Each structure stands twice: as C-alpha cells, then as structure tokens.
Amino acid sequence: MANEDWTKAEAYWREHHAKQPYADKNLSYDDYVSAYRIGHEAALKYSGKEFEEVEDDIALNYEKGRPEEPLPWDTVRPAVKAEWDRVAGILSPRDSDRGIRSGF
C-alpha cells in the first residue's frame, strides 16, 4: 500500500472517517483532510521508521502546512497516525473491516 496515491487514500478516508473513534461528530471530513494528507506523505517519506520516532517532525510539518482554521495537533494526531498505519499496512484492533492479519 506504500505506493498508493493520495487520491485513493482521500477517497478511503472520505468514506471511512465518520466511523473512526477519534472523529468529532461536530466536525467534517474536510476538517481532518490535511491531517490525513500529512500522515500519508509522512508514511512515504519516513518509510521503515516508527511513527513515534518522527512524530515531532510530522507535527511540525502539520503546523507549517495546515489550513487557515486548523485543528490542533492533539486533535488530529489520531487521524495522522491512522493514515500512517494504513499506508504502512498496519491494522489496528479497531479496524476489523479492513482485513485479517496473517503471517503471524
């Protein structure tokens, strides 16, 4: 999934965002889109590293490139991490609809 383009990732999150436990019901997907994009770009840029190793850099990139009315990092961090994990092929326990873990 690492080579997946942003267009496909955006379509995925547009469909699945509202079902995520971190999705604020008072906010829309559009409020989180920059966070998902940062997560996507970071997963490709820092491939092979753990999210926590580069989180400070990712947060800084989010702060620099965020929209006019941004959500704070603490609010969007789960969305950034979710896209990072999705690109990296990591399934979390809450993602039962995304497939079955195999090879363990």
PDB file of N, CA and C in Angstrom:
ATOM      1  N   MET A   1       0.802  -1.189   0.000  1.00  0.00           N
ATOM      2  CA  MET A   1       0.000   0.000   0.000  1.00  0.00           C
ATOM      3  C   MET A   1       0.852   1.263   0.000  1.00  0.00           C
ATOM      4  N   ALA A   2       2.135   1.115   0.221  1.00  0.00           N
ATOM      5  CA  ALA A   2       3.014   2.274   0.338  1.00  0.00           C
ATOM      6  C   ALA A   2       3.047   3.113  -0.933  1.00  0.00           C
ATOM      7  N   ASN A   3       2.794   2.527  -2.085  1.00  0.00           N
ATOM      8  CA  ASN A   3       2.834   3.277  -3.332  1.00  0.00           C
ATOM      9  C   ASN A   3       1.490   3.868  -3.720  1.00  0.00           C
ATOM     10  N   GLU A   4       0.491   3.655  -2.902  1.00  0.00           N
ATOM     11  CA  GLU A   4      -0.832   4.167  -3.196  1.00  0.00           C
ATOM     12  C   GLU A   4      -0.801   5.690  -3.294  1.00  0.00           C
ATOM     13  N   ASP A   5      -1.509   6.224  -4.262  1.00  0.00           N
ATOM     14  CA  ASP A   5      -1.504   7.677  -4.385  1.00  0.00           C
ATOM     15  C   ASP A   5      -2.530   8.311  -3.448  1.00  0.00           C
ATOM     16  N   TRP A   6      -2.369   9.603  -3.254  1.00  0.00           N
ATOM     17  CA  TRP A   6      -3.204  10.335  -2.316  1.00  0.00           C
ATOM     18  C   TRP A   6      -4.677  10.309  -2.728  1.00  0.00           C
ATOM     19  N   THR A   7      -4.958  10.286  -4.016  1.00  0.00           N
ATOM     20  CA  THR A   7      -6.346  10.285  -4.479  1.00  0.00           C
ATOM     21  C   THR A   7      -7.114   9.093  -3.921  1.00  0.00           C
ATOM     22  N   LYS A   8      -6.499   7.927  -3.943  1.00  0.00           N
ATOM     23  CA  LYS A   8      -7.151   6.726  -3.406  1.00  0.00           C
ATOM     24  C   LYS A   8      -7.282   6.809  -1.890  1.00  0.00           C
ATOM     25  N   ALA A   9      -6.254   7.309  -1.234  1.00  0.00           N
ATOM     26  CA  ALA A   9      -6.300   7.449   0.225  1.00  0.00           C
ATOM     27  C   ALA A   9      -7.396   8.429   0.633  1.00  0.00           C
ATOM     28  N   GLU A  10      -7.497   9.519  -0.094  1.00  0.00           N
ATOM     29  CA  GLU A  10      -8.522  10.518   0.222  1.00  0.00           C
ATOM     30  C   GLU A  10      -9.926   9.926   0.063  1.00  0.00           C
ATOM     31  N   ALA A  11     -10.125   9.155  -0.980  1.00  0.00           N
ATOM     32  CA  ALA A  11     -11.426   8.512  -1.188  1.00  0.00           C
ATOM     33  C   ALA A  11     -11.738   7.543  -0.046  1.00  0.00           C
ATOM     34  N   TYR A  12     -10.712   6.808   0.389  1.00  0.00           N
ATOM     35  CA  TYR A  12     -10.896   5.885   1.508  1.00  0.00           C
ATOM     36  C   TYR A  12     -11.367   6.627   2.755  1.00  0.00           C
ATOM     37  N   TRP A  13     -10.649   7.703   3.122  1.00  0.00           N
ATOM     38  CA  TRP A  13     -10.975   8.422   4.351  1.00  0.00           C
ATOM     39  C   TRP A  13     -12.273   9.196   4.243  1.00  0.00           C
ATOM     40  N   ARG A  14     -12.607   9.671   3.052  1.00  0.00           N
ATOM     41  CA  ARG A  14     -13.882  10.362   2.873  1.00  0.00           C
ATOM     42  C   ARG A  14     -15.030   9.402   3.226  1.00  0.00           C
ATOM     43  N   GLU A  15     -14.857   8.142   2.866  1.00  0.00           N
ATOM     44  CA  GLU A  15     -15.883   7.128   3.160  1.00  0.00           C
ATOM     45  C   GLU A  15     -15.832   6.651   4.611  1.00  0.00           C
ATOM     46  N   HIS A  16     -14.647   6.505   5.192  1.00  0.00           N
ATOM     47  CA  HIS A  16     -14.498   5.865   6.495  1.00  0.00           C
ATOM     48  C   HIS A  16     -14.260   6.801   7.677  1.00  0.00           C
ATOM     49  N   HIS A  17     -14.012   8.058   7.423  1.00  0.00           N
ATOM     50  CA  HIS A  17     -13.669   8.980   8.514  1.00  0.00           C
ATOM     51  C   HIS A  17     -14.699   9.001   9.636  1.00  0.00           C
ATOM     52  N   ALA A  18     -15.954   9.146   9.296  1.00  0.00           N
ATOM     53  CA  ALA A  18     -17.005   9.310  10.315  1.00  0.00           C
ATOM     54  C   ALA A  18     -17.107   8.113  11.253  1.00  0.00           C
ATOM     55  N   LYS A  19     -16.613   6.955  10.833  1.00  0.00           N
ATOM     56  CA  LYS A  19     -16.686   5.731  11.647  1.00  0.00           C
ATOM     57  C   LYS A  19     -15.531   5.614  12.638  1.00  0.00           C
ATOM     58  N   GLN A  20     -14.568   6.514  12.552  1.00  0.00           N
ATOM     59  CA  GLN A  20     -13.383   6.415  13.402  1.00  0.00           C
ATOM     60  C   GLN A  20     -13.687   6.939  14.805  1.00  0.00           C
ATOM     61  N   PRO A  21     -13.113   6.307  15.827  1.00  0.00           N
ATOM     62  CA  PRO A  21     -13.404   6.713  17.211  1.00  0.00           C
ATOM     63  C   PRO A  21     -12.951   8.132  17.539  1.00  0.00           C
ATOM     64  N   TYR A  22     -11.982   8.647  16.814  1.00  0.00           N
ATOM     65  CA  TYR A  22     -11.483   9.998  17.070  1.00  0.00           C
ATOM     66  C   TYR A  22     -12.264  11.066  16.296  1.00  0.00           C
ATOM     67  N   ALA A  23     -13.143  10.666  15.397  1.00  0.00           N
ATOM     68  CA  ALA A  23     -13.869  11.630  14.560  1.00  0.00           C
ATOM     69  C   ALA A  23     -14.888  12.394  15.394  1.00  0.00           C
ATOM     70  N   ASP A  24     -14.681  13.670  15.534  1.00  0.00           N
ATOM     71  CA  ASP A  24     -15.590  14.545  16.269  1.00  0.00           C
ATOM     72  C   ASP A  24     -16.862  14.704  15.436  1.00  0.00           C
ATOM     73  N   LYS A  25     -17.983  14.391  16.014  1.00  0.00           N
ATOM     74  CA  LYS A  25     -19.258  14.447  15.289  1.00  0.00           C
ATOM     75  C   LYS A  25     -19.636  15.870  14.884  1.00  0.00           C
ATOM     76  N   ASN A  26     -19.016  16.865  15.499  1.00  0.00           N
ATOM     77  CA  ASN A  26     -19.293  18.265  15.160  1.00  0.00           C
ATOM     78  C   ASN A  26     -18.392  18.782  14.041  1.00  0.00           C
ATOM     79  N   LEU A  27     -17.479  17.940  13.574  1.00  0.00           N
ATOM     80  CA  LEU A  27     -16.555  18.316  12.515  1.00  0.00           C
ATOM     81  C   LEU A  27     -16.740  17.377  11.332  1.00  0.00           C
ATOM     82  N   SER A  28     -16.355  17.829  10.162  1.00  0.00           N
ATOM     83  CA  SER A  28     -16.499  17.004   8.957  1.00  0.00           C
ATOM     84  C   SER A  28     -15.158  16.412   8.538  1.00  0.00           C
ATOM     85  N   TYR A  29     -15.220  15.555   7.555  1.00  0.00           N
ATOM     86  CA  TYR A  29     -14.000  15.005   6.969  1.00  0.00           C
ATOM     87  C   TYR A  29     -13.081  16.140   6.505  1.00  0.00           C
ATOM     88  N   ASP A  30     -13.669  17.165   5.934  1.00  0.00           N
ATOM     89  CA  ASP A  30     -12.878  18.280   5.412  1.00  0.00           C
ATOM     90  C   ASP A  30     -12.039  18.963   6.488  1.00  0.00           C
ATOM     91  N   ASP A  31     -12.488  18.900   7.731  1.00  0.00           N
ATOM     92  CA  ASP A  31     -11.702  19.469   8.823  1.00  0.00           C
ATOM     93  C   ASP A  31     -10.455  18.641   9.120  1.00  0.00           C
ATOM     94  N   TYR A  32     -10.466  17.372   8.737  1.00  0.00           N
ATOM     95  CA  TYR A  32      -9.361  16.455   9.022  1.00  0.00           C
ATOM     96  C   TYR A  32      -8.493  16.145   7.797  1.00  0.00           C
ATOM     97  N   VAL A  33      -8.912  16.575   6.617  1.00  0.00           N
ATOM     98  CA  VAL A  33      -8.237  16.150   5.392  1.00  0.00           C
ATOM     99  C   VAL A  33      -6.749  16.473   5.391  1.00  0.00           C
ATOM    100  N   SER A  34      -6.364  17.633   5.898  1.00  0.00           N
ATOM    101  CA  SER A  34      -4.927  17.966   5.900  1.00  0.00           C
ATOM    102  C   SER A  34      -4.151  17.027   6.818  1.00  0.00           C
ATOM    103  N   ALA A  35      -4.781  16.564   7.880  1.00  0.00           N
ATOM    104  CA  ALA A  35      -4.121  15.617   8.786  1.00  0.00           C
ATOM    105  C   ALA A  35      -3.896  14.273   8.089  1.00  0.00           C
ATOM    106  N   TYR A  36      -4.912  13.798   7.391  1.00  0.00           N
ATOM    107  CA  TYR A  36      -4.743  12.536   6.662  1.00  0.00           C
ATOM    108  C   TYR A  36      -3.651  12.668   5.596  1.00  0.00           C
ATOM    109  N   ARG A  37      -3.632  13.804   4.919  1.00  0.00           N
ATOM    110  CA  ARG A  37      -2.616  14.002   3.876  1.00  0.00           C
ATOM    111  C   ARG A  37      -1.211  14.032   4.476  1.00  0.00           C
ATOM    112  N   ILE A  38      -1.043  14.710   5.590  1.00  0.00           N
ATOM    113  CA  ILE A  38       0.266  14.736   6.262  1.00  0.00           C
ATOM    114  C   ILE A  38       0.668  13.318   6.668  1.00  0.00           C
ATOM    115  N   GLY A  39      -0.270  12.543   7.195  1.00  0.00           N
ATOM    116  CA  GLY A  39       0.024  11.157   7.569  1.00  0.00           C
ATOM    117  C   GLY A  39       0.448  10.329   6.374  1.00  0.00           C
ATOM    118  N   HIS A  40      -0.216  10.549   5.256  1.00  0.00           N
ATOM    119  CA  HIS A  40       0.105   9.829   4.019  1.00  0.00           C
ATOM    120  C   HIS A  40       1.517  10.176   3.544  1.00  0.00           C
ATOM    121  N   GLU A  41       1.784  11.461   3.456  1.00  0.00           N
ATOM    122  CA  GLU A  41       3.101  11.907   2.984  1.00  0.00           C
ATOM    123  C   GLU A  41       4.218  11.472   3.931  1.00  0.00           C
ATOM    124  N   ALA A  42       3.953  11.544   5.220  1.00  0.00           N
ATOM    125  CA  ALA A  42       4.974  11.164   6.200  1.00  0.00           C
ATOM    126  C   ALA A  42       5.279   9.669   6.142  1.00  0.00           C
ATOM    127  N   ALA A  43       4.246   8.853   5.965  1.00  0.00           N
ATOM    128  CA  ALA A  43       4.465   7.405   5.891  1.00  0.00           C
ATOM    129  C   ALA A  43       5.358   7.049   4.707  1.00  0.00           C
ATOM    130  N   LEU A  44       5.204   7.778   3.614  1.00  0.00           N
ATOM    131  CA  LEU A  44       6.057   7.535   2.452  1.00  0.00           C
ATOM    132  C   LEU A  44       7.466   8.087   2.680  1.00  0.00           C
ATOM    133  N   LYS A  45       7.546   9.276   3.241  1.00  0.00           N
ATOM    134  CA  LYS A  45       8.836   9.927   3.471  1.00  0.00           C
ATOM    135  C   LYS A  45       9.690   9.186   4.489  1.00  0.00           C
ATOM    136  N   TYR A  46       9.062   8.702   5.552  1.00  0.00           N
ATOM    137  CA  TYR A  46       9.788   8.061   6.650  1.00  0.00           C
ATOM    138  C   TYR A  46       9.588   6.549   6.665  1.00  0.00           C
ATOM    139  N   SER A  47       9.398   5.973   5.524  1.00  0.00           N
ATOM    140  CA  SER A  47       9.182   4.528   5.415  1.00  0.00           C
ATOM    141  C   SER A  47      10.274   3.760   6.170  1.00  0.00           C
ATOM    142  N   GLY A  48       9.840   2.774   6.939  1.00  0.00           N
ATOM    143  CA  GLY A  48      10.780   1.962   7.701  1.00  0.00           C
ATOM    144  C   GLY A  48      11.013   2.465   9.112  1.00  0.00           C
ATOM    145  N   LYS A  49      10.494   3.628   9.439  1.00  0.00           N
ATOM    146  CA  LYS A  49      10.652   4.177  10.790  1.00  0.00           C
ATOM    147  C   LYS A  49       9.344   4.023  11.552  1.00  0.00           C
ATOM    148  N   GLU A  50       9.446   4.082  12.851  1.00  0.00           N
ATOM    149  CA  GLU A  50       8.261   4.067  13.706  1.00  0.00           C
ATOM    150  C   GLU A  50       7.686   5.479  13.760  1.00  0.00           C
ATOM    151  N   PHE A  51       6.377   5.586  13.813  1.00  0.00           N
ATOM    152  CA  PHE A  51       5.714   6.881  13.876  1.00  0.00           C
ATOM    153  C   PHE A  51       6.274   7.737  15.008  1.00  0.00           C
ATOM    154  N   GLU A  52       6.430   7.123  16.164  1.00  0.00           N
ATOM    155  CA  GLU A  52       6.888   7.853  17.345  1.00  0.00           C
ATOM    156  C   GLU A  52       8.298   8.427  17.172  1.00  0.00           C
ATOM    157  N   GLU A  53       9.124   7.780  16.337  1.00  0.00           N
ATOM    158  CA  GLU A  53      10.480   8.269  16.082  1.00  0.00           C
ATOM    159  C   GLU A  53      10.481   9.614  15.367  1.00  0.00           C
ATOM    160  N   VAL A  54       9.484   9.828  14.529  1.00  0.00           N
ATOM    161  CA  VAL A  54       9.463  11.025  13.688  1.00  0.00           C
ATOM    162  C   VAL A  54       8.247  11.912  13.964  1.00  0.00           C
ATOM    163  N   GLU A  55       7.533  11.621  15.026  1.00  0.00           N
ATOM    164  CA  GLU A  55       6.303  12.360  15.315  1.00  0.00           C
ATOM    165  C   GLU A  55       6.534  13.864  15.430  1.00  0.00           C
ATOM    166  N   ASP A  56       7.619  14.283  16.053  1.00  0.00           N
ATOM    167  CA  ASP A  56       7.876  15.720  16.193  1.00  0.00           C
ATOM    168  C   ASP A  56       8.002  16.396  14.826  1.00  0.00           C
ATOM    169  N   ASP A  57       8.692  15.739  13.894  1.00  0.00           N
ATOM    170  CA  ASP A  57       8.825  16.289  12.546  1.00  0.00           C
ATOM    171  C   ASP A  57       7.471  16.334  11.834  1.00  0.00           C
ATOM    172  N   ILE A  58       6.688  15.289  12.007  1.00  0.00           N
ATOM    173  CA  ILE A  58       5.367  15.238  11.375  1.00  0.00           C
ATOM    174  C   ILE A  58       4.476  16.347  11.934  1.00  0.00           C
ATOM    175  N   ALA A  59       4.509  16.517  13.248  1.00  0.00           N
ATOM    176  CA  ALA A  59       3.707  17.572  13.881  1.00  0.00           C
ATOM    177  C   ALA A  59       4.128  18.941  13.368  1.00  0.00           C
ATOM    178  N   LEU A  60       5.415  19.156  13.220  1.00  0.00           N
ATOM    179  CA  LEU A  60       5.914  20.427  12.704  1.00  0.00           C
ATOM    180  C   LEU A  60       5.443  20.650  11.270  1.00  0.00           C
ATOM    181  N   ASN A  61       5.505  19.607  10.450  1.00  0.00           N
ATOM    182  CA  ASN A  61       5.026  19.711   9.067  1.00  0.00           C
ATOM    183  C   ASN A  61       3.536  20.027   9.028  1.00  0.00           C
ATOM    184  N   TYR A  62       2.782  19.429   9.930  1.00  0.00           N
ATOM    185  CA  TYR A  62       1.350  19.723  10.009  1.00  0.00           C
ATOM    186  C   TYR A  62       1.144  21.193  10.377  1.00  0.00           C
ATOM    187  N   GLU A  63       1.867  21.652  11.369  1.00  0.00           N
ATOM    188  CA  GLU A  63       1.722  23.044  11.808  1.00  0.00           C
ATOM    189  C   GLU A  63       2.081  24.023  10.686  1.00  0.00           C
ATOM    190  N   LYS A  64       3.111  23.707   9.918  1.00  0.00           N
ATOM    191  CA  LYS A  64       3.546  24.588   8.826  1.00  0.00           C
ATOM    192  C   LYS A  64       2.551  24.584   7.665  1.00  0.00           C
ATOM    193  N   GLY A  65       1.989  23.428   7.369  1.00  0.00           N
ATOM    194  CA  GLY A  65       1.159  23.302   6.177  1.00  0.00           C
ATOM    195  C   GLY A  65      -0.333  23.245   6.431  1.00  0.00           C
ATOM    196  N   ARG A  66      -0.743  23.499   7.629  1.00  0.00           N
ATOM    197  CA  ARG A  66      -2.163  23.366   7.951  1.00  0.00           C
ATOM    198  C   ARG A  66      -2.978  24.518   7.359  1.00  0.00           C
ATOM    199  N   PRO A  67      -4.263  24.304   7.235  1.00  0.00           N
ATOM    200  CA  PRO A  67      -5.145  25.313   6.639  1.00  0.00           C
ATOM    201  C   PRO A  67      -5.359  26.524   7.553  1.00  0.00           C
ATOM    202  N   GLU A  68      -6.097  27.479   7.060  1.00  0.00           N
ATOM    203  CA  GLU A  68      -6.356  28.721   7.802  1.00  0.00           C
ATOM    204  C   GLU A  68      -6.945  28.488   9.192  1.00  0.00           C
ATOM    205  N   GLU A  69      -7.931  27.631   9.287  1.00  0.00           N
ATOM    206  CA  GLU A  69      -8.601  27.354  10.561  1.00  0.00           C
ATOM    207  C   GLU A  69      -8.265  25.921  10.988  1.00  0.00           C
ATOM    208  N   PRO A  70      -7.045  25.700  11.424  1.00  0.00           N
ATOM    209  CA  PRO A  70      -6.599  24.329  11.691  1.00  0.00           C
ATOM    210  C   PRO A  70      -7.101  23.774  13.020  1.00  0.00           C
ATOM    211  N   LEU A  71      -7.141  22.467  13.057  1.00  0.00           N
ATOM    212  CA  LEU A  71      -7.385  21.771  14.317  1.00  0.00           C
ATOM    213  C   LEU A  71      -6.031  21.582  14.993  1.00  0.00           C
ATOM    214  N   PRO A  72      -5.967  21.607  16.301  1.00  0.00           N
ATOM    215  CA  PRO A  72      -4.684  21.415  16.994  1.00  0.00           C
ATOM    216  C   PRO A  72      -4.137  20.003  16.790  1.00  0.00           C
ATOM    217  N   TRP A  73      -2.821  19.890  16.897  1.00  0.00           N
ATOM    218  CA  TRP A  73      -2.143  18.607  16.702  1.00  0.00           C
ATOM    219  C   TRP A  73      -2.755  17.504  17.567  1.00  0.00           C
ATOM    220  N   ASP A  74      -3.016  17.786  18.822  1.00  0.00           N
ATOM    221  CA  ASP A  74      -3.571  16.761  19.706  1.00  0.00           C
ATOM    222  C   ASP A  74      -4.906  16.224  19.202  1.00  0.00           C
ATOM    223  N   THR A  75      -5.650  17.038  18.492  1.00  0.00           N
ATOM    224  CA  THR A  75      -6.933  16.611  17.932  1.00  0.00           C
ATOM    225  C   THR A  75      -6.740  15.752  16.691  1.00  0.00           C
ATOM    226  N   VAL A  76      -5.794  16.135  15.840  1.00  0.00           N
ATOM    227  CA  VAL A  76      -5.623  15.428  14.565  1.00  0.00           C
ATOM    228  C   VAL A  76      -4.620  14.288  14.621  1.00  0.00           C
ATOM    229  N   ARG A  77      -3.832  14.195  15.667  1.00  0.00           N
ATOM    230  CA  ARG A  77      -2.813  13.153  15.754  1.00  0.00           C
ATOM    231  C   ARG A  77      -3.364  11.765  15.446  1.00  0.00           C
ATOM    232  N   PRO A  78      -4.535  11.369  16.019  1.00  0.00           N
ATOM    233  CA  PRO A  78      -5.043  10.031  15.695  1.00  0.00           C
ATOM    234  C   PRO A  78      -5.338   9.836  14.208  1.00  0.00           C
ATOM    235  N   ALA A  79      -5.779  10.877  13.527  1.00  0.00           N
ATOM    236  CA  ALA A  79      -6.048  10.775  12.088  1.00  0.00           C
ATOM    237  C   ALA A  79      -4.741  10.638  11.310  1.00  0.00           C
ATOM    238  N   VAL A  80      -3.743  11.411  11.690  1.00  0.00           N
ATOM    239  CA  VAL A  80      -2.430  11.323  11.047  1.00  0.00           C
ATOM    240  C   VAL A  80      -1.872   9.908  11.227  1.00  0.00           C
ATOM    241  N   LYS A  81      -1.947   9.409  12.448  1.00  0.00           N
ATOM    242  CA  LYS A  81      -1.426   8.068  12.764  1.00  0.00           C
ATOM    243  C   LYS A  81      -2.222   6.990  12.031  1.00  0.00           C
ATOM    244  N   ALA A  82      -3.530   7.182  11.902  1.00  0.00           N
ATOM    245  CA  ALA A  82      -4.359   6.194  11.202  1.00  0.00           C
ATOM    246  C   ALA A  82      -3.948   6.062   9.742  1.00  0.00           C
ATOM    247  N   GLU A  83      -3.686   7.188   9.090  1.00  0.00           N
ATOM    248  CA  GLU A  83      -3.250   7.107   7.693  1.00  0.00           C
ATOM    249  C   GLU A  83      -1.826   6.576   7.595  1.00  0.00           C
ATOM    250  N   TRP A  84      -0.981   6.949   8.521  1.00  0.00           N
ATOM    251  CA  TRP A  84       0.380   6.382   8.575  1.00  0.00           C
ATOM    252  C   TRP A  84       0.288   4.856   8.646  1.00  0.00           C
ATOM    253  N   ASP A  85      -0.512   4.366   9.573  1.00  0.00           N
ATOM    254  CA  ASP A  85      -0.660   2.918   9.750  1.00  0.00           C
ATOM    255  C   ASP A  85      -1.267   2.259   8.518  1.00  0.00           C
ATOM    256  N   ARG A  86      -2.220   2.913   7.903  1.00  0.00           N
ATOM    257  CA  ARG A  86      -2.867   2.349   6.719  1.00  0.00           C
ATOM    258  C   ARG A  86      -1.875   2.226   5.569  1.00  0.00           C
ATOM    259  N   VAL A  87      -1.083   3.254   5.355  1.00  0.00           N
ATOM    260  CA  VAL A  87      -0.079   3.218   4.286  1.00  0.00           C
ATOM    261  C   VAL A  87       0.986   2.163   4.592  1.00  0.00           C
ATOM    262  N   ALA A  88       1.353   2.075   5.858  1.00  0.00           N
ATOM    263  CA  ALA A  88       2.380   1.105   6.261  1.00  0.00           C
ATOM    264  C   ALA A  88       1.843  -0.322   6.312  1.00  0.00           C
ATOM    265  N   GLY A  89       0.534  -0.486   6.183  1.00  0.00           N
ATOM    266  CA  GLY A  89      -0.062  -1.817   6.210  1.00  0.00           C
ATOM    267  C   GLY A  89      -0.279  -2.360   7.604  1.00  0.00           C
ATOM    268  N   ILE A  90      -0.339  -1.471   8.584  1.00  0.00           N
ATOM    269  CA  ILE A  90      -0.548  -1.879   9.973  1.00  0.00           C
ATOM    270  C   ILE A  90      -2.034  -1.797  10.280  1.00  0.00           C
ATOM    271  N   LEU A  91      -2.595  -2.886  10.753  1.00  0.00           N
ATOM    272  CA  LEU A  91      -4.006  -2.901  11.126  1.00  0.00           C
ATOM    273  C   LEU A  91      -4.126  -2.779  12.627  1.00  0.00           C
ATOM    274  N   SER A  92      -4.989  -1.890  13.054  1.00  0.00           N
ATOM    275  CA  SER A  92      -5.213  -1.778  14.493  1.00  0.00           C
ATOM    276  C   SER A  92      -6.389  -2.654  14.882  1.00  0.00           C
ATOM    277  N   PRO A  93      -6.532  -2.969  16.156  1.00  0.00           N
ATOM    278  CA  PRO A  93      -7.631  -3.814  16.596  1.00  0.00           C
ATOM    279  C   PRO A  93      -9.006  -3.251  16.239  1.00  0.00           C
ATOM    280  N   ARG A  94      -9.123  -1.946  16.062  1.00  0.00           N
ATOM    281  CA  ARG A  94     -10.408  -1.329  15.735  1.00  0.00           C
ATOM    282  C   ARG A  94     -10.722  -1.389  14.252  1.00  0.00           C
ATOM    283  N   ASP A  95      -9.837  -1.936  13.460  1.00  0.00           N
ATOM    284  CA  ASP A  95     -10.007  -1.938  12.017  1.00  0.00           C
ATOM    285  C   ASP A  95     -10.426  -3.304  11.489  1.00  0.00           C
ATOM    286  N   SER A  96     -11.361  -3.934  12.138  1.00  0.00           N
ATOM    287  CA  SER A  96     -11.748  -5.290  11.747  1.00  0.00           C
ATOM    288  C   SER A  96     -12.306  -5.346  10.334  1.00  0.00           C
ATOM    289  N   ASP A  97     -12.843  -4.240   9.826  1.00  0.00           N
ATOM    290  CA  ASP A  97     -13.391  -4.252   8.470  1.00  0.00           C
ATOM    291  C   ASP A  97     -12.326  -4.076   7.401  1.00  0.00           C
ATOM    292  N   ARG A  98     -11.077  -3.872   7.790  1.00  0.00           N
ATOM    293  CA  ARG A  98     -10.011  -3.634   6.818  1.00  0.00           C
ATOM    294  C   ARG A  98      -9.240  -4.886   6.458  1.00  0.00           C
ATOM    295  N   GLY A  99      -9.576  -6.028   6.993  1.00  0.00           N
ATOM    296  CA  GLY A  99      -8.861  -7.241   6.625  1.00  0.00           C
ATOM    297  C   GLY A  99      -8.469  -8.058   7.822  1.00  0.00           C
ATOM    298  N   ILE A 100      -7.834  -9.145   7.534  1.00  0.00           N
ATOM    299  CA  ILE A 100      -7.418 -10.085   8.568  1.00  0.00           C
ATOM    300  C   ILE A 100      -5.900 -10.110   8.611  1.00  0.00           C
ATOM    301  N   ARG A 101      -5.378 -10.057   9.794  1.00  0.00           N
ATOM    302  CA  ARG A 101      -3.922 -10.168   9.934  1.00  0.00           C
ATOM    303  C   ARG A 101      -3.510 -11.594   9.626  1.00  0.00           C
ATOM    304  N   SER A 102      -2.454 -11.716   8.887  1.00  0.00           N
ATOM    305  CA  SER A 102      -1.959 -13.058   8.560  1.00  0.00           C
ATOM    306  C   SER A 102      -0.446 -13.060   8.646  1.00  0.00           C
ATOM    307  N   GLY A 103       0.099 -14.261   8.661  1.00  0.00           N
ATOM    308  CA  GLY A 103       1.545 -14.399   8.687  1.00  0.00           C
ATOM    309  C   GLY A 103       2.175 -14.282  10.064  1.00  0.00           C
ATOM    310  N   PHE A 104       1.356 -14.312  11.093  1.00  0.00           N
ATOM    311  CA  PHE A 104       1.904 -14.210  12.461  1.00  0.00           C
ATOM    312  C   PHE A 104       2.020 -15.571  13.067  1.00  0.00           C
TER     313      PHE A 104
END
